[in-house]
Every structure is written in structure tokens, then in C-alpha cells.
Amino acid sequence: MKDVTELHKQHLREWRRHLHANPELSFQEERTSQFVYDTLASFGNLELSRPTKTSVMAKLKGARPGKVIGFRADMDALPIQEETDLPFASKVEGVMHACGHDAHTAILLTVAEILSAKQQELCGEIRFFFQHAEELFPGGAKEMVEAGVTDGVEMVFGLHVASQLPQGKVGVIYGPATSNSDQFQLTVRGKGGHSSQPDKTVDPVIISAQIITNVQSIVSRMTSPKEELVVSITTLHAGEAVNVIPNEVRIGASVRSLTQDVRKNAITALERMVKGITEANGAAYELEITYGYDSVINDEGATAIAERALKRKLGEDAVLRGSAIMGGEDFAAFANAVPGCFVFVGAKEKDNPAPAPHHHPQFRIEEDAMEDGVDFFLGVAEELVF
């Protein structure tokens, strides 16, 4: 298959910049999804549908039978005020594409543009999934899978640009690629009173401090050092006056793991610990667990195909074998439904020695990296349906 043409490169950047300037939050991607739908409709040879209110699916059916594969891109932005000097910076107050989903969408639109013109050469079917709401649990991937978009699909592929990975490199991971992403909200209820008479109270602040300190032993003493587990206390709310011991303390936390066993054991240990500490101090508690996105488990066969395609399109040195990151990604819903592979495309700006991380108001990418993303999908298509 011929390389991406200059016109394709022009469209790739134009579409990304349009999307970047006009971001929409999760489950609110009405203008974004309509733009995607209208752009896809202009290509021809695609069967378009709206599996959910703000998602789009395009089917490209080849002239001859063959495999059915899926390509996915997410479309939503984040509630962040942009602080870049880009000429196409967000025009929406308090909303920004700070994670690269604008690039993902533009990449897949370009792939659809290229492949839709090759329908007669295609053996099988490609489904292009333009997914809403990756950033907000329960996520759009789950809704799309429940709507039946993966029915009959044999393999599914996705990517994420990575602002701190050099452009020209692609991270390929066999097995777990992202973490189970869970949360808990804990309320410790004691008996408040004046700070000068702590003996007449059941101090939820002291009790909460014990819990916060002891929670880390779940990682260091109750989980094998060969396993990945992160428990991070992220919110803490207690009292309003410095001379008053409050009645309750509210704690929020994130729990990240790679396997279902570690996930289950961590929550069990947390519940046991909270119960023991509160009871020992005469307090009560409420613990609410929210099970978030599953770990993305890259299928060995699909990942081997992806690695082979990347080496052929970008060169042997382009592929970096990596290990799981502890971030969450709802591509897991697709990969749970059918064998899948999710890769990380290097997008570090060439002249930026300290690029901002994802979900940061100064997040930027090297736009040339999007061409590597296009080549990834085209390479997989060449492996499977041409």
C-alpha cells in the first residue's frame, strides 16, 4: 500500500486542529460526532451508523470475503483550561483536548479516507469505531460493545499518543497494558467536640490518619513484590474550624492493579483494615467501592500482528517492547469482547526537553507523530485484510 500522500497529511492536520479547537466533554460529543459522521460520509463506500447518541461506526466491506477487524479512536476532551500558545488552541472555556483524543480521531479519519478508496482490493471488513466518553466512567467503549459493534469482529486495535515517548517510537506491550482503575470513598464517623476536650470525642481525624498510614501496607506487606499495585489517597475532607474536632472525615482514593486476583485481594484487605481500625476506636464508617475500567490485556496473537506491521511500516528500531502502565483505559471493553491490541505512539515534541504530561493544561504533541499512527492502522490492515 502506498504511503500517506501529501493531501492525506494535510487532511490529518486540518482535522486534528479543528477538533482541538472545538473540544467537547464526555457524553457531550454532539458536534464532534456529527463532524466525524459528515467527514466519513464524504469518502464514500462506508456504511455509517450511530451506535449511541454521540458515537459513530463506519463499516468498510471489501469486494471479497475475509476477516472482520475493528479500529478504534476516542473523541472526548477534558474539563481543563488550555494554557498553550497553539494557534488552534481550544475555543471552549474550561475544556481542552489534553490527552490526544483529537489526534486519535484525526488519525482514524485519515485511515478511513485512505482505505475507503481501496474497497475493491479489500478481503473482508473493517469497522471504524469512533468512541465517545473514554475519560468518564462507565465509559463509552462499554456502551458501544453493548450496542453490538463488535459482533462478528475477530480482532480489534487501538492506539494512544504518548507525549513523553520520542516521536518515531511505538510502545508495544504483550499481556496487561493498562491497569484496573478502581476508586473508593470512605467516610469515618466519630463524635465531634471542642479541641480542648479530645477525651470527650471519638476523633475521626486521628482514626483516619491511622487508616491512611496503614493502607500503604496493603501494597508493601499484603501484596507480592512481583505484582503491581498502587493505592493513592487523593482527597481528604475534615472539619471547618481549628478549635473543633469534626464528626466525620471523608477520604477518596484510587486503586490501580493489573490482575483480577490482586484487585480483589486489595479491596478485601482495605475493607478488613477499615473495619478493624474504626471498631478499635469506637467509630463507624461507610465504604463505597467503585470498580472502574478493567486492565487492557493485549492478546498475544493480535500484538504479534501489530508488532510485525509496525516494524514493516516504521522500521525494526521503531518498536519498543514495554511493560504495563498504571493508567486506566476503557479500550479494555473492546479487548474483553474480542482479542485486541493497544499500542502507544511516541509523540514527544522534538524541541521540547520537558513535555507536559497528559491531562495537563500545557499538553502538546508532535503532529508528525500522527503519521506513525496512520501507518500503524494501515500496516495492520495490510496484514489482515489485503
Foldseek 3Di string as FASTA:
>chain_A
DDAQDPVLLVQLVVQLLVLQQEAAAFPGQQVVQVVLVVLLVVQPQWDWDDLDNRKIKTKRFAPAAFAEEEEEAERHWDQAAADAPDPSHYPDGRTGRQFCSSSRSSLLSSLSNVVSVVRHVWHHMYMYIHFGAFPDPVGGLLSSVVSPPCVRHAEYEYEGAFQPFAFLAKEFEAWFAEWFKKKKKKKKFKAKDFQVCCVVILFQVVLVVVLVVCLCCCVVPVDDPVFDKDKAWDDKDADDDPGMRGRMIMTMIIIIGQDPVSVVSSVVVSVVSSVVSSVVSVIDMDMDMGGHAHTATAHPVQSVQLLVLLCVQRNPVRYDYDYHDHDHGNCSSVCVVHHYTYMYGYFHDPPDPDADGGPDSHHDGRSVSSSSVSSSVVSSSVVTID
